[in-house]
C-alpha atoms as a PDB file:
ATOM      1  CA  LEU A   1      87.452  67.398 111.411  1.00  0.00           C
ATOM      2  CA  SER A   2      91.378  68.092 112.880  1.00  0.00           C
ATOM      3  CA  ALA A   3      92.666  71.890 113.001  1.00  0.00           C
ATOM      4  CA  THR A   4      95.330  70.541 109.832  1.00  0.00           C
ATOM      5  CA  SER A   5      92.717  68.833 107.273  1.00  0.00           C
ATOM      6  CA  PRO A   6      91.215  70.661 103.978  1.00  0.00           C
ATOM      7  CA  ALA A   7      88.023  70.024 105.736  1.00  0.00           C
ATOM      8  CA  SER A   8      88.802  72.235 108.622  1.00  0.00           C
ATOM      9  CA  ARG A   9      90.513  74.989 106.643  1.00  0.00           C
ATOM     10  CA  THR A  10      87.091  75.264 104.869  1.00  0.00           C
ATOM     11  CA  LEU A  11      84.861  75.507 107.653  1.00  0.00           C
ATOM     12  CA  GLU A  12      87.279  78.473 109.143  1.00  0.00           C
ATOM     13  CA  SER A  13      86.486  80.618 105.505  1.00  0.00           C
ATOM     14  CA  LEU A  14      83.012  80.568 106.573  1.00  0.00           C
ATOM     15  CA  GLU A  15      84.242  83.093 108.505  1.00  0.00           C
ATOM     16  CA  MET A  16      84.329  84.764 105.947  1.00  0.00           C
ATOM     17  CA  VAL A  17      79.866  84.824 104.888  1.00  0.00           C
ATOM     18  CA  ASP A  18      78.067  87.501 106.534  1.00  0.00           C
ATOM     19  CA  ALA A  19      75.741  85.771 109.301  1.00  0.00           C
ATOM     20  CA  LYS A  20      72.282  86.651 107.973  1.00  0.00           C
ATOM     21  CA  SER A  21      72.863  84.237 104.548  1.00  0.00           C
ATOM     22  CA  LEU A  22      75.236  81.773 106.288  1.00  0.00           C
ATOM     23  CA  SER A  23      71.953  81.116 109.498  1.00  0.00           C
ATOM     24  CA  ASN A  24      69.770  80.359 105.784  1.00  0.00           C
ATOM     25  CA  PHE A  25      72.029  79.215 104.428  1.00  0.00           C
ATOM     26  CA  LEU A  26      71.952  76.241 108.032  1.00  0.00           C
ATOM     27  CA  ILE A  27      68.312  76.317 108.806  1.00  0.00           C
ATOM     28  CA  ASN A  28      66.695  73.839 107.283  1.00  0.00           C
ATOM     29  CA  GLU A  29      70.130  71.767 108.668  1.00  0.00           C
ATOM     30  CA  HIS A  30      69.898  69.408 111.661  1.00  0.00           C
ATOM     31  CA  PRO A  31      70.645  70.787 114.799  1.00  0.00           C
ATOM     32  CA  GLN A  32      73.308  67.998 115.037  1.00  0.00           C
ATOM     33  CA  THR A  33      75.043  69.368 111.538  1.00  0.00           C
ATOM     34  CA  ILE A  34      74.049  73.437 112.684  1.00  0.00           C
ATOM     35  CA  SER A  35      76.696  72.639 116.051  1.00  0.00           C
ATOM     36  CA  VAL A  36      79.744  71.175 114.255  1.00  0.00           C
ATOM     37  CA  ILE A  37      79.904  74.319 111.687  1.00  0.00           C
ATOM     38  CA  LEU A  38      79.056  76.561 114.638  1.00  0.00           C
ATOM     39  CA  ALA A  39      81.618  75.478 116.543  1.00  0.00           C
ATOM     40  CA  HIS A  40      84.114  76.163 113.745  1.00  0.00           C
ATOM     41  CA  LEU A  41      83.362  80.002 114.347  1.00  0.00           C
ATOM     42  CA  GLU A  42      84.957  83.034 116.236  1.00  0.00           C
ATOM     43  CA  PRO A  43      81.950  83.199 119.489  1.00  0.00           C
ATOM     44  CA  GLU A  44      80.939  86.895 117.763  1.00  0.00           C
ATOM     45  CA  LYS A  45      80.472  85.083 114.163  1.00  0.00           C
ATOM     46  CA  LYS A  46      78.665  81.984 116.091  1.00  0.00           C
ATOM     47  CA  GLY A  47      76.616  84.507 118.469  1.00  0.00           C
ATOM     48  CA  GLU A  48      75.109  86.509 115.065  1.00  0.00           C
ATOM     49  CA  VAL A  49      74.100  83.681 114.052  1.00  0.00           C
ATOM     50  CA  LEU A  50      72.414  81.955 116.235  1.00  0.00           C
ATOM     51  CA  LYS A  51      70.573  84.564 116.837  1.00  0.00           C
ATOM     52  CA  ARG A  52      69.190  84.431 113.766  1.00  0.00           C
ATOM     53  CA  LEU A  53      68.011  81.008 113.996  1.00  0.00           C
ATOM     54  CA  PRO A  54      64.559  79.635 115.144  1.00  0.00           C
ATOM     55  CA  GLU A  55      64.147  79.916 119.159  1.00  0.00           C
ATOM     56  CA  SER A  56      63.053  75.972 118.687  1.00  0.00           C
ATOM     57  CA  LEU A  57      66.494  75.788 116.202  1.00  0.00           C
ATOM     58  CA  GLN A  58      68.269  77.750 118.835  1.00  0.00           C
ATOM     59  CA  ALA A  59      67.899  75.558 122.124  1.00  0.00           C
ATOM     60  CA  GLU A  60      68.437  72.363 120.042  1.00  0.00           C
ATOM     61  CA  VAL A  61      71.636  73.683 118.388  1.00  0.00           C
ATOM     62  CA  VAL A  62      73.118  75.077 122.054  1.00  0.00           C
ATOM     63  CA  LEU A  63      72.547  72.198 123.745  1.00  0.00           C
ATOM     64  CA  ARG A  64      74.312  69.961 120.637  1.00  0.00           C
ATOM     65  CA  LEU A  65      77.422  72.115 120.934  1.00  0.00           C
ATOM     66  CA  SER A  66      77.779  71.704 124.372  1.00  0.00           C
ATOM     67  CA  ASN A  67      78.120  68.453 124.132  1.00  0.00           C
ATOM     68  CA  LEU A  68      80.621  68.411 121.467  1.00  0.00           C
ATOM     69  CA  ASP A  69      83.787  67.254 122.507  1.00  0.00           C
END
């Protein structure tokens, strides 16, 4: 995704979704999918969403986030 693509702007609109709703939506997604989505959020929002995910999933998502280019 490039910063100017329509998909990128759509992901940025997730900033307006509250952390609880977003984490409930993402909980059944693959960790790589979650990490790609979280990569487009501001650090504070990213932390809020991560805190609401199960601990086992948190670790996997953080690992995958750290490996994103």
